[in-house]
Amino acid sequence: YIAGEIKKSIRSGTKAEDIAVLFRT
């Protein structure tokens, strides 16, 4: 799901380096 959403965001113009995935550990 996350990888798919990231791909959509990049296609819609968001730069890859402007996207972050955060996690506890």
mmCIF file of all heavy atoms, coordinates in Angstrom:
data_MODEL
# 
_entry.id   MODEL 
# 
loop_
_atom_site.group_PDB 
_atom_site.id 
_atom_site.type_symbol 
_atom_site.label_atom_id 
_atom_site.label_alt_id 
_atom_site.label_comp_id 
_atom_site.label_asym_id 
_atom_site.label_entity_id 
_atom_site.label_seq_id 
_atom_site.pdbx_PDB_ins_code 
_atom_site.Cartn_x 
_atom_site.Cartn_y 
_atom_site.Cartn_z 
_atom_site.occupancy 
_atom_site.B_iso_or_equiv 
_atom_site.pdbx_formal_charge 
_atom_site.auth_seq_id 
_atom_site.auth_comp_id 
_atom_site.auth_asym_id 
_atom_site.auth_atom_id 
_atom_site.pdbx_PDB_model_num 
ATOM 1   N N   . TYR A 1 1  ? 0.835  -1.207 0.000   1.00 0.00 ? 1  TYR A N   1 
ATOM 2   C CA  . TYR A 1 1  ? 0.000  0.000  0.000   1.00 0.00 ? 1  TYR A CA  1 
ATOM 3   C C   . TYR A 1 1  ? 0.871  1.259  0.000   1.00 0.00 ? 1  TYR A C   1 
ATOM 4   O O   . TYR A 1 1  ? 0.672  2.169  -0.814  1.00 0.00 ? 1  TYR A O   1 
ATOM 5   C CB  . TYR A 1 1  ? -0.935 0.008  1.223   1.00 0.00 ? 1  TYR A CB  1 
ATOM 6   C CG  . TYR A 1 1  ? -1.591 1.340  1.467   1.00 0.00 ? 1  TYR A CG  1 
ATOM 7   C CD1 . TYR A 1 1  ? -2.613 1.803  0.626   1.00 0.00 ? 1  TYR A CD1 1 
ATOM 8   C CD2 . TYR A 1 1  ? -1.165 2.165  2.509   1.00 0.00 ? 1  TYR A CD2 1 
ATOM 9   C CE1 . TYR A 1 1  ? -3.182 3.050  0.834   1.00 0.00 ? 1  TYR A CE1 1 
ATOM 10  C CE2 . TYR A 1 1  ? -1.740 3.406  2.721   1.00 0.00 ? 1  TYR A CE2 1 
ATOM 11  C CZ  . TYR A 1 1  ? -2.747 3.849  1.884   1.00 0.00 ? 1  TYR A CZ  1 
ATOM 12  O OH  . TYR A 1 1  ? -3.308 5.084  2.074   1.00 0.00 ? 1  TYR A OH  1 
ATOM 13  N N   . ILE A 1 2  ? 1.862  1.326  0.911   1.00 0.00 ? 2  ILE A N   1 
ATOM 14  C CA  . ILE A 1 2  ? 2.711  2.518  1.028   1.00 0.00 ? 2  ILE A CA  1 
ATOM 15  C C   . ILE A 1 2  ? 3.523  2.726  -0.254  1.00 0.00 ? 2  ILE A C   1 
ATOM 16  O O   . ILE A 1 2  ? 3.607  3.845  -0.776  1.00 0.00 ? 2  ILE A O   1 
ATOM 17  C CB  . ILE A 1 2  ? 3.664  2.413  2.246   1.00 0.00 ? 2  ILE A CB  1 
ATOM 18  C CG1 . ILE A 1 2  ? 2.871  2.302  3.559   1.00 0.00 ? 2  ILE A CG1 1 
ATOM 19  C CG2 . ILE A 1 2  ? 4.627  3.594  2.298   1.00 0.00 ? 2  ILE A CG2 1 
ATOM 20  C CD1 . ILE A 1 2  ? 2.083  3.521  3.966   1.00 0.00 ? 2  ILE A CD1 1 
ATOM 21  N N   . ALA A 1 3  ? 4.111  1.636  -0.778  1.00 0.00 ? 3  ALA A N   1 
ATOM 22  C CA  . ALA A 1 3  ? 4.903  1.746  -2.011  1.00 0.00 ? 3  ALA A CA  1 
ATOM 23  C C   . ALA A 1 3  ? 4.033  2.239  -3.170  1.00 0.00 ? 3  ALA A C   1 
ATOM 24  O O   . ALA A 1 3  ? 4.468  3.076  -3.970  1.00 0.00 ? 3  ALA A O   1 
ATOM 25  C CB  . ALA A 1 3  ? 5.533  0.393  -2.352  1.00 0.00 ? 3  ALA A CB  1 
ATOM 26  N N   . GLY A 1 4  ? 2.795  1.742  -3.239  1.00 0.00 ? 4  GLY A N   1 
ATOM 27  C CA  . GLY A 1 4  ? 1.861  2.174  -4.290  1.00 0.00 ? 4  GLY A CA  1 
ATOM 28  C C   . GLY A 1 4  ? 1.506  3.642  -4.158  1.00 0.00 ? 4  GLY A C   1 
ATOM 29  O O   . GLY A 1 4  ? 1.468  4.381  -5.156  1.00 0.00 ? 4  GLY A O   1 
ATOM 30  N N   . GLU A 1 5  ? 1.245  4.091  -2.918  1.00 0.00 ? 5  GLU A N   1 
ATOM 31  C CA  . GLU A 1 5  ? 0.891  5.501  -2.683  1.00 0.00 ? 5  GLU A CA  1 
ATOM 32  C C   . GLU A 1 5  ? 2.072  6.424  -2.998  1.00 0.00 ? 5  GLU A C   1 
ATOM 33  O O   . GLU A 1 5  ? 1.897  7.518  -3.529  1.00 0.00 ? 5  GLU A O   1 
ATOM 34  C CB  . GLU A 1 5  ? 0.456  5.700  -1.218  1.00 0.00 ? 5  GLU A CB  1 
ATOM 35  C CG  . GLU A 1 5  ? -0.910 5.126  -0.892  1.00 0.00 ? 5  GLU A CG  1 
ATOM 36  C CD  . GLU A 1 5  ? -2.030 5.791  -1.689  1.00 0.00 ? 5  GLU A CD  1 
ATOM 37  O OE1 . GLU A 1 5  ? -2.158 7.025  -1.608  1.00 0.00 ? 5  GLU A OE1 1 
ATOM 38  O OE2 . GLU A 1 5  ? -2.745 5.075  -2.403  1.00 0.00 ? 5  GLU A OE2 1 
ATOM 39  N N   . ILE A 1 6  ? 3.274  5.971  -2.672  1.00 0.00 ? 6  ILE A N   1 
ATOM 40  C CA  . ILE A 1 6  ? 4.477  6.762  -2.970  1.00 0.00 ? 6  ILE A CA  1 
ATOM 41  C C   . ILE A 1 6  ? 4.630  6.922  -4.478  1.00 0.00 ? 6  ILE A C   1 
ATOM 42  O O   . ILE A 1 6  ? 4.915  8.026  -4.977  1.00 0.00 ? 6  ILE A O   1 
ATOM 43  C CB  . ILE A 1 6  ? 5.729  6.102  -2.346  1.00 0.00 ? 6  ILE A CB  1 
ATOM 44  C CG1 . ILE A 1 6  ? 5.727  6.291  -0.824  1.00 0.00 ? 6  ILE A CG1 1 
ATOM 45  C CG2 . ILE A 1 6  ? 7.009  6.673  -2.950  1.00 0.00 ? 6  ILE A CG2 1 
ATOM 46  C CD1 . ILE A 1 6  ? 6.797  5.523  -0.086  1.00 0.00 ? 6  ILE A CD1 1 
ATOM 47  N N   . LYS A 1 7  ? 4.417  5.828  -5.198  1.00 0.00 ? 7  LYS A N   1 
ATOM 48  C CA  . LYS A 1 7  ? 4.542  5.872  -6.661  1.00 0.00 ? 7  LYS A CA  1 
ATOM 49  C C   . LYS A 1 7  ? 3.551  6.875  -7.249  1.00 0.00 ? 7  LYS A C   1 
ATOM 50  O O   . LYS A 1 7  ? 3.886  7.661  -8.138  1.00 0.00 ? 7  LYS A O   1 
ATOM 51  C CB  . LYS A 1 7  ? 4.304  4.470  -7.236  1.00 0.00 ? 7  LYS A CB  1 
ATOM 52  C CG  . LYS A 1 7  ? 4.939  4.257  -8.595  1.00 0.00 ? 7  LYS A CG  1 
ATOM 53  C CD  . LYS A 1 7  ? 5.076  2.788  -8.938  1.00 0.00 ? 7  LYS A CD  1 
ATOM 54  C CE  . LYS A 1 7  ? 5.941  2.631  -10.181 1.00 0.00 ? 7  LYS A CE  1 
ATOM 55  N NZ  . LYS A 1 7  ? 6.172  1.221  -10.515 1.00 0.00 ? 7  LYS A NZ  1 
ATOM 56  N N   . LYS A 1 8  ? 2.306  6.849  -6.722  1.00 0.00 ? 8  LYS A N   1 
ATOM 57  C CA  . LYS A 1 8  ? 1.280  7.800  -7.195  1.00 0.00 ? 8  LYS A CA  1 
ATOM 58  C C   . LYS A 1 8  ? 1.716  9.238  -6.911  1.00 0.00 ? 8  LYS A C   1 
ATOM 59  O O   . LYS A 1 8  ? 1.545  10.128 -7.744  1.00 0.00 ? 8  LYS A O   1 
ATOM 60  C CB  . LYS A 1 8  ? -0.053 7.533  -6.481  1.00 0.00 ? 8  LYS A CB  1 
ATOM 61  C CG  . LYS A 1 8  ? -0.832 6.349  -7.017  1.00 0.00 ? 8  LYS A CG  1 
ATOM 62  C CD  . LYS A 1 8  ? -2.162 6.271  -6.254  1.00 0.00 ? 8  LYS A CD  1 
ATOM 63  C CE  . LYS A 1 8  ? -2.671 4.852  -6.199  1.00 0.00 ? 8  LYS A CE  1 
ATOM 64  N NZ  . LYS A 1 8  ? -3.792 4.711  -5.263  1.00 0.00 ? 8  LYS A NZ  1 
ATOM 65  N N   . SER A 1 9  ? 2.244  9.480  -5.699  1.00 0.00 ? 9  SER A N   1 
ATOM 66  C CA  . SER A 1 9  ? 2.672  10.830 -5.312  1.00 0.00 ? 9  SER A CA  1 
ATOM 67  C C   . SER A 1 9  ? 3.774  11.352 -6.234  1.00 0.00 ? 9  SER A C   1 
ATOM 68  O O   . SER A 1 9  ? 3.758  12.512 -6.645  1.00 0.00 ? 9  SER A O   1 
ATOM 69  C CB  . SER A 1 9  ? 3.194  10.846 -3.865  1.00 0.00 ? 9  SER A CB  1 
ATOM 70  O OG  . SER A 1 9  ? 2.157  10.587 -2.965  1.00 0.00 ? 9  SER A OG  1 
ATOM 71  N N   . ILE A 1 10 ? 4.734  10.472 -6.542  1.00 0.00 ? 10 ILE A N   1 
ATOM 72  C CA  . ILE A 1 10 ? 5.846  10.875 -7.424  1.00 0.00 ? 10 ILE A CA  1 
ATOM 73  C C   . ILE A 1 10 ? 5.318  11.192 -8.819  1.00 0.00 ? 10 ILE A C   1 
ATOM 74  O O   . ILE A 1 10 ? 5.710  12.185 -9.445  1.00 0.00 ? 10 ILE A O   1 
ATOM 75  C CB  . ILE A 1 10 ? 6.952  9.790  -7.452  1.00 0.00 ? 10 ILE A CB  1 
ATOM 76  C CG1 . ILE A 1 10 ? 7.629  9.703  -6.071  1.00 0.00 ? 10 ILE A CG1 1 
ATOM 77  C CG2 . ILE A 1 10 ? 7.991  10.081 -8.526  1.00 0.00 ? 10 ILE A CG2 1 
ATOM 78  C CD1 . ILE A 1 10 ? 8.564  8.527  -5.890  1.00 0.00 ? 10 ILE A CD1 1 
ATOM 79  N N   . ARG A 1 11 ? 4.375  10.350 -9.297  1.00 0.00 ? 11 ARG A N   1 
ATOM 80  C CA  . ARG A 1 11 ? 3.784  10.589 -10.622 1.00 0.00 ? 11 ARG A CA  1 
ATOM 81  C C   . ARG A 1 11 ? 3.027  11.916 -10.669 1.00 0.00 ? 11 ARG A C   1 
ATOM 82  O O   . ARG A 1 11 ? 2.971  12.570 -11.711 1.00 0.00 ? 11 ARG A O   1 
ATOM 83  C CB  . ARG A 1 11 ? 2.825  9.446  -10.983 1.00 0.00 ? 11 ARG A CB  1 
ATOM 84  C CG  . ARG A 1 11 ? 3.535  8.224  -11.553 1.00 0.00 ? 11 ARG A CG  1 
ATOM 85  C CD  . ARG A 1 11 ? 2.522  7.165  -11.914 1.00 0.00 ? 11 ARG A CD  1 
ATOM 86  N NE  . ARG A 1 11 ? 3.154  5.928  -12.335 1.00 0.00 ? 11 ARG A NE  1 
ATOM 87  C CZ  . ARG A 1 11 ? 2.591  4.737  -12.250 1.00 0.00 ? 11 ARG A CZ  1 
ATOM 88  N NH1 . ARG A 1 11 ? 1.377  4.611  -11.726 1.00 0.00 ? 11 ARG A NH1 1 
ATOM 89  N NH2 . ARG A 1 11 ? 3.220  3.658  -12.676 1.00 0.00 ? 11 ARG A NH2 1 
ATOM 90  N N   . SER A 1 12 ? 2.434  12.298 -9.533  1.00 0.00 ? 12 SER A N   1 
ATOM 91  C CA  . SER A 1 12 ? 1.649  13.543 -9.511  1.00 0.00 ? 12 SER A CA  1 
ATOM 92  C C   . SER A 1 12 ? 2.509  14.777 -9.250  1.00 0.00 ? 12 SER A C   1 
ATOM 93  O O   . SER A 1 12 ? 2.003  15.876 -9.108  1.00 0.00 ? 12 SER A O   1 
ATOM 94  C CB  . SER A 1 12 ? 0.522  13.449 -8.482  1.00 0.00 ? 12 SER A CB  1 
ATOM 95  O OG  . SER A 1 12 ? 1.056  13.341 -7.185  1.00 0.00 ? 12 SER A OG  1 
ATOM 96  N N   . GLY A 1 13 ? 3.839  14.589 -9.164  1.00 0.00 ? 13 GLY A N   1 
ATOM 97  C CA  . GLY A 1 13 ? 4.741  15.745 -9.110  1.00 0.00 ? 13 GLY A CA  1 
ATOM 98  C C   . GLY A 1 13 ? 5.518  15.943 -7.828  1.00 0.00 ? 13 GLY A C   1 
ATOM 99  O O   . GLY A 1 13 ? 6.366  16.830 -7.746  1.00 0.00 ? 13 GLY A O   1 
ATOM 100 N N   . THR A 1 14 ? 5.255  15.144 -6.778  1.00 0.00 ? 14 THR A N   1 
ATOM 101 C CA  . THR A 1 14 ? 6.020  15.280 -5.527  1.00 0.00 ? 14 THR A CA  1 
ATOM 102 C C   . THR A 1 14 ? 7.401  14.656 -5.717  1.00 0.00 ? 14 THR A C   1 
ATOM 103 O O   . THR A 1 14 ? 7.513  13.532 -6.213  1.00 0.00 ? 14 THR A O   1 
ATOM 104 C CB  . THR A 1 14 ? 5.297  14.576 -4.356  1.00 0.00 ? 14 THR A CB  1 
ATOM 105 O OG1 . THR A 1 14 ? 3.952  15.040 -4.294  1.00 0.00 ? 14 THR A OG1 1 
ATOM 106 C CG2 . THR A 1 14 ? 5.988  14.879 -3.038  1.00 0.00 ? 14 THR A CG2 1 
ATOM 107 N N   . LYS A 1 15 ? 8.443  15.377 -5.348  1.00 0.00 ? 15 LYS A N   1 
ATOM 108 C CA  . LYS A 1 15 ? 9.795  14.818 -5.460  1.00 0.00 ? 15 LYS A CA  1 
ATOM 109 C C   . LYS A 1 15 ? 9.962  13.684 -4.454  1.00 0.00 ? 15 LYS A C   1 
ATOM 110 O O   . LYS A 1 15 ? 9.465  13.774 -3.325  1.00 0.00 ? 15 LYS A O   1 
ATOM 111 C CB  . LYS A 1 15 ? 10.834 15.900 -5.170  1.00 0.00 ? 15 LYS A CB  1 
ATOM 112 C CG  . LYS A 1 15 ? 10.939 16.960 -6.255  1.00 0.00 ? 15 LYS A CG  1 
ATOM 113 C CD  . LYS A 1 15 ? 11.982 17.979 -5.854  1.00 0.00 ? 15 LYS A CD  1 
ATOM 114 C CE  . LYS A 1 15 ? 12.060 19.092 -6.888  1.00 0.00 ? 15 LYS A CE  1 
ATOM 115 N NZ  . LYS A 1 15 ? 12.974 20.169 -6.435  1.00 0.00 ? 15 LYS A NZ  1 
ATOM 116 N N   . ALA A 1 16 ? 10.703 12.658 -4.854  1.00 0.00 ? 16 ALA A N   1 
ATOM 117 C CA  . ALA A 1 16 ? 10.917 11.500 -3.971  1.00 0.00 ? 16 ALA A CA  1 
ATOM 118 C C   . ALA A 1 16 ? 11.530 11.923 -2.641  1.00 0.00 ? 16 ALA A C   1 
ATOM 119 O O   . ALA A 1 16 ? 11.148 11.424 -1.579  1.00 0.00 ? 16 ALA A O   1 
ATOM 120 C CB  . ALA A 1 16 ? 11.803 10.468 -4.661  1.00 0.00 ? 16 ALA A CB  1 
ATOM 121 N N   . GLU A 1 17 ? 12.468 12.890 -2.674  1.00 0.00 ? 17 GLU A N   1 
ATOM 122 C CA  . GLU A 1 17 ? 13.139 13.312 -1.434  1.00 0.00 ? 17 GLU A CA  1 
ATOM 123 C C   . GLU A 1 17 ? 12.254 14.163 -0.533  1.00 0.00 ? 17 GLU A C   1 
ATOM 124 O O   . GLU A 1 17 ? 12.630 14.471 0.603   1.00 0.00 ? 17 GLU A O   1 
ATOM 125 C CB  . GLU A 1 17 ? 14.457 14.044 -1.735  1.00 0.00 ? 17 GLU A CB  1 
ATOM 126 C CG  . GLU A 1 17 ? 14.333 15.240 -2.623  1.00 0.00 ? 17 GLU A CG  1 
ATOM 127 C CD  . GLU A 1 17 ? 14.561 14.928 -4.104  1.00 0.00 ? 17 GLU A CD  1 
ATOM 128 O OE1 . GLU A 1 17 ? 14.217 13.815 -4.552  1.00 0.00 ? 17 GLU A OE1 1 
ATOM 129 O OE2 . GLU A 1 17 ? 15.067 15.825 -4.796  1.00 0.00 ? 17 GLU A OE2 1 
ATOM 130 N N   . ASP A 1 18 ? 11.069 14.565 -1.038  1.00 0.00 ? 18 ASP A N   1 
ATOM 131 C CA  . ASP A 1 18 ? 10.099 15.300 -0.211  1.00 0.00 ? 18 ASP A CA  1 
ATOM 132 C C   . ASP A 1 18 ? 9.080  14.373 0.449   1.00 0.00 ? 18 ASP A C   1 
ATOM 133 O O   . ASP A 1 18 ? 8.091  14.831 1.026   1.00 0.00 ? 18 ASP A O   1 
ATOM 134 C CB  . ASP A 1 18 ? 9.357  16.345 -1.053  1.00 0.00 ? 18 ASP A CB  1 
ATOM 135 C CG  . ASP A 1 18 ? 10.229 17.544 -1.377  1.00 0.00 ? 18 ASP A CG  1 
ATOM 136 O OD1 . ASP A 1 18 ? 11.212 17.759 -0.643  1.00 0.00 ? 18 ASP A OD1 1 
ATOM 137 O OD2 . ASP A 1 18 ? 9.951  18.253 -2.361  1.00 0.00 ? 18 ASP A OD2 1 
ATOM 138 N N   . ILE A 1 19 ? 9.328  13.066 0.327   1.00 0.00 ? 19 ILE A N   1 
ATOM 139 C CA  . ILE A 1 19 ? 8.441  12.059 0.928   1.00 0.00 ? 19 ILE A CA  1 
ATOM 140 C C   . ILE A 1 19 ? 9.216  11.312 2.008   1.00 0.00 ? 19 ILE A C   1 
ATOM 141 O O   . ILE A 1 19 ? 10.358 10.898 1.791   1.00 0.00 ? 19 ILE A O   1 
ATOM 142 C CB  . ILE A 1 19 ? 7.936  11.051 -0.135  1.00 0.00 ? 19 ILE A CB  1 
ATOM 143 C CG1 . ILE A 1 19 ? 7.155  11.779 -1.236  1.00 0.00 ? 19 ILE A CG1 1 
ATOM 144 C CG2 . ILE A 1 19 ? 7.085  9.952  0.508   1.00 0.00 ? 19 ILE A CG2 1 
ATOM 145 C CD1 . ILE A 1 19 ? 6.837  10.911 -2.439  1.00 0.00 ? 19 ILE A CD1 1 
ATOM 146 N N   . ALA A 1 20 ? 8.603  11.147 3.176   1.00 0.00 ? 20 ALA A N   1 
ATOM 147 C CA  . ALA A 1 20 ? 9.252  10.402 4.264   1.00 0.00 ? 20 ALA A CA  1 
ATOM 148 C C   . ALA A 1 20 ? 8.333  9.306  4.774   1.00 0.00 ? 20 ALA A C   1 
ATOM 149 O O   . ALA A 1 20 ? 7.115  9.489  4.827   1.00 0.00 ? 20 ALA A O   1 
ATOM 150 C CB  . ALA A 1 20 ? 9.619  11.338 5.415   1.00 0.00 ? 20 ALA A CB  1 
ATOM 151 N N   . VAL A 1 21 ? 8.935  8.186  5.122   1.00 0.00 ? 21 VAL A N   1 
ATOM 152 C CA  . VAL A 1 21 ? 8.211  7.114  5.804   1.00 0.00 ? 21 VAL A CA  1 
ATOM 153 C C   . VAL A 1 21 ? 8.854  6.971  7.180   1.00 0.00 ? 21 VAL A C   1 
ATOM 154 O O   . VAL A 1 21 ? 10.061 6.735  7.289   1.00 0.00 ? 21 VAL A O   1 
ATOM 155 C CB  . VAL A 1 21 ? 8.283  5.776  5.043   1.00 0.00 ? 21 VAL A CB  1 
ATOM 156 C CG1 . VAL A 1 21 ? 7.456  4.712  5.771   1.00 0.00 ? 21 VAL A CG1 1 
ATOM 157 C CG2 . VAL A 1 21 ? 7.798  5.929  3.605   1.00 0.00 ? 21 VAL A CG2 1 
ATOM 158 N N   . LEU A 1 22 ? 8.046  7.150  8.218   1.00 0.00 ? 22 LEU A N   1 
ATOM 159 C CA  . LEU A 1 22 ? 8.554  7.119  9.590   1.00 0.00 ? 22 LEU A CA  1 
ATOM 160 C C   . LEU A 1 22 ? 8.060  5.876  10.322  1.00 0.00 ? 22 LEU A C   1 
ATOM 161 O O   . LEU A 1 22 ? 6.954  5.401  10.077  1.00 0.00 ? 22 LEU A O   1 
ATOM 162 C CB  . LEU A 1 22 ? 8.099  8.375  10.350  1.00 0.00 ? 22 LEU A CB  1 
ATOM 163 C CG  . LEU A 1 22 ? 8.381  9.729  9.683   1.00 0.00 ? 22 LEU A CG  1 
ATOM 164 C CD1 . LEU A 1 22 ? 7.927  10.866 10.590  1.00 0.00 ? 22 LEU A CD1 1 
ATOM 165 C CD2 . LEU A 1 22 ? 9.859  9.883  9.344   1.00 0.00 ? 22 LEU A CD2 1 
ATOM 166 N N   . PHE A 1 23 ? 8.883  5.369  11.232  1.00 0.00 ? 23 PHE A N   1 
ATOM 167 C CA  . PHE A 1 23 ? 8.542  4.159  11.980  1.00 0.00 ? 23 PHE A CA  1 
ATOM 168 C C   . PHE A 1 23 ? 9.170  4.243  13.358  1.00 0.00 ? 23 PHE A C   1 
ATOM 169 O O   . PHE A 1 23 ? 10.103 5.018  13.591  1.00 0.00 ? 23 PHE A O   1 
ATOM 170 C CB  . PHE A 1 23 ? 9.014  2.903  11.239  1.00 0.00 ? 23 PHE A CB  1 
ATOM 171 C CG  . PHE A 1 23 ? 10.264 3.096  10.421  1.00 0.00 ? 23 PHE A CG  1 
ATOM 172 C CD1 . PHE A 1 23 ? 11.518 3.020  11.005  1.00 0.00 ? 23 PHE A CD1 1 
ATOM 173 C CD2 . PHE A 1 23 ? 10.180 3.408  9.073   1.00 0.00 ? 23 PHE A CD2 1 
ATOM 174 C CE1 . PHE A 1 23 ? 12.668 3.222  10.261  1.00 0.00 ? 23 PHE A CE1 1 
ATOM 175 C CE2 . PHE A 1 23 ? 11.324 3.623  8.314   1.00 0.00 ? 23 PHE A CE2 1 
ATOM 176 C CZ  . PHE A 1 23 ? 12.576 3.528  8.907   1.00 0.00 ? 23 PHE A CZ  1 
ATOM 177 N N   . ARG A 1 24 ? 8.653  3.420  14.280  1.00 0.00 ? 24 ARG A N   1 
ATOM 178 C CA  . ARG A 1 24 ? 9.110  3.469  15.679  1.00 0.00 ? 24 ARG A CA  1 
ATOM 179 C C   . ARG A 1 24 ? 10.501 2.866  15.830  1.00 0.00 ? 24 ARG A C   1 
ATOM 180 O O   . ARG A 1 24 ? 11.353 3.421  16.507  1.00 0.00 ? 24 ARG A O   1 
ATOM 181 C CB  . ARG A 1 24 ? 8.085  2.757  16.569  1.00 0.00 ? 24 ARG A CB  1 
ATOM 182 C CG  . ARG A 1 24 ? 8.419  2.746  18.065  1.00 0.00 ? 24 ARG A CG  1 
ATOM 183 C CD  . ARG A 1 24 ? 8.475  4.167  18.623  1.00 0.00 ? 24 ARG A CD  1 
ATOM 184 N NE  . ARG A 1 24 ? 8.764  4.191  20.056  1.00 0.00 ? 24 ARG A NE  1 
ATOM 185 C CZ  . ARG A 1 24 ? 9.974  4.072  20.572  1.00 0.00 ? 24 ARG A CZ  1 
ATOM 186 N NH1 . ARG A 1 24 ? 11.024 3.930  19.777  1.00 0.00 ? 24 ARG A NH1 1 
ATOM 187 N NH2 . ARG A 1 24 ? 10.156 4.123  21.876  1.00 0.00 ? 24 ARG A NH2 1 
ATOM 188 N N   . THR A 1 25 ? 10.734 1.698  15.236  1.00 0.00 ? 25 THR A N   1 
ATOM 189 C CA  . THR A 1 25 ? 12.059 1.065  15.308  1.00 0.00 ? 25 THR A CA  1 
ATOM 190 C C   . THR A 1 25 ? 12.511 0.707  13.894  1.00 0.00 ? 25 THR A C   1 
ATOM 191 O O   . THR A 1 25 ? 11.681 0.387  13.033  1.00 0.00 ? 25 THR A O   1 
ATOM 192 C CB  . THR A 1 25 ? 12.047 -0.216 16.174  1.00 0.00 ? 25 THR A CB  1 
ATOM 193 O OG1 . THR A 1 25 ? 11.163 -1.170 15.584  1.00 0.00 ? 25 THR A OG1 1 
ATOM 194 C CG2 . THR A 1 25 ? 11.589 0.073  17.593  1.00 0.00 ? 25 THR A CG2 1 
# 
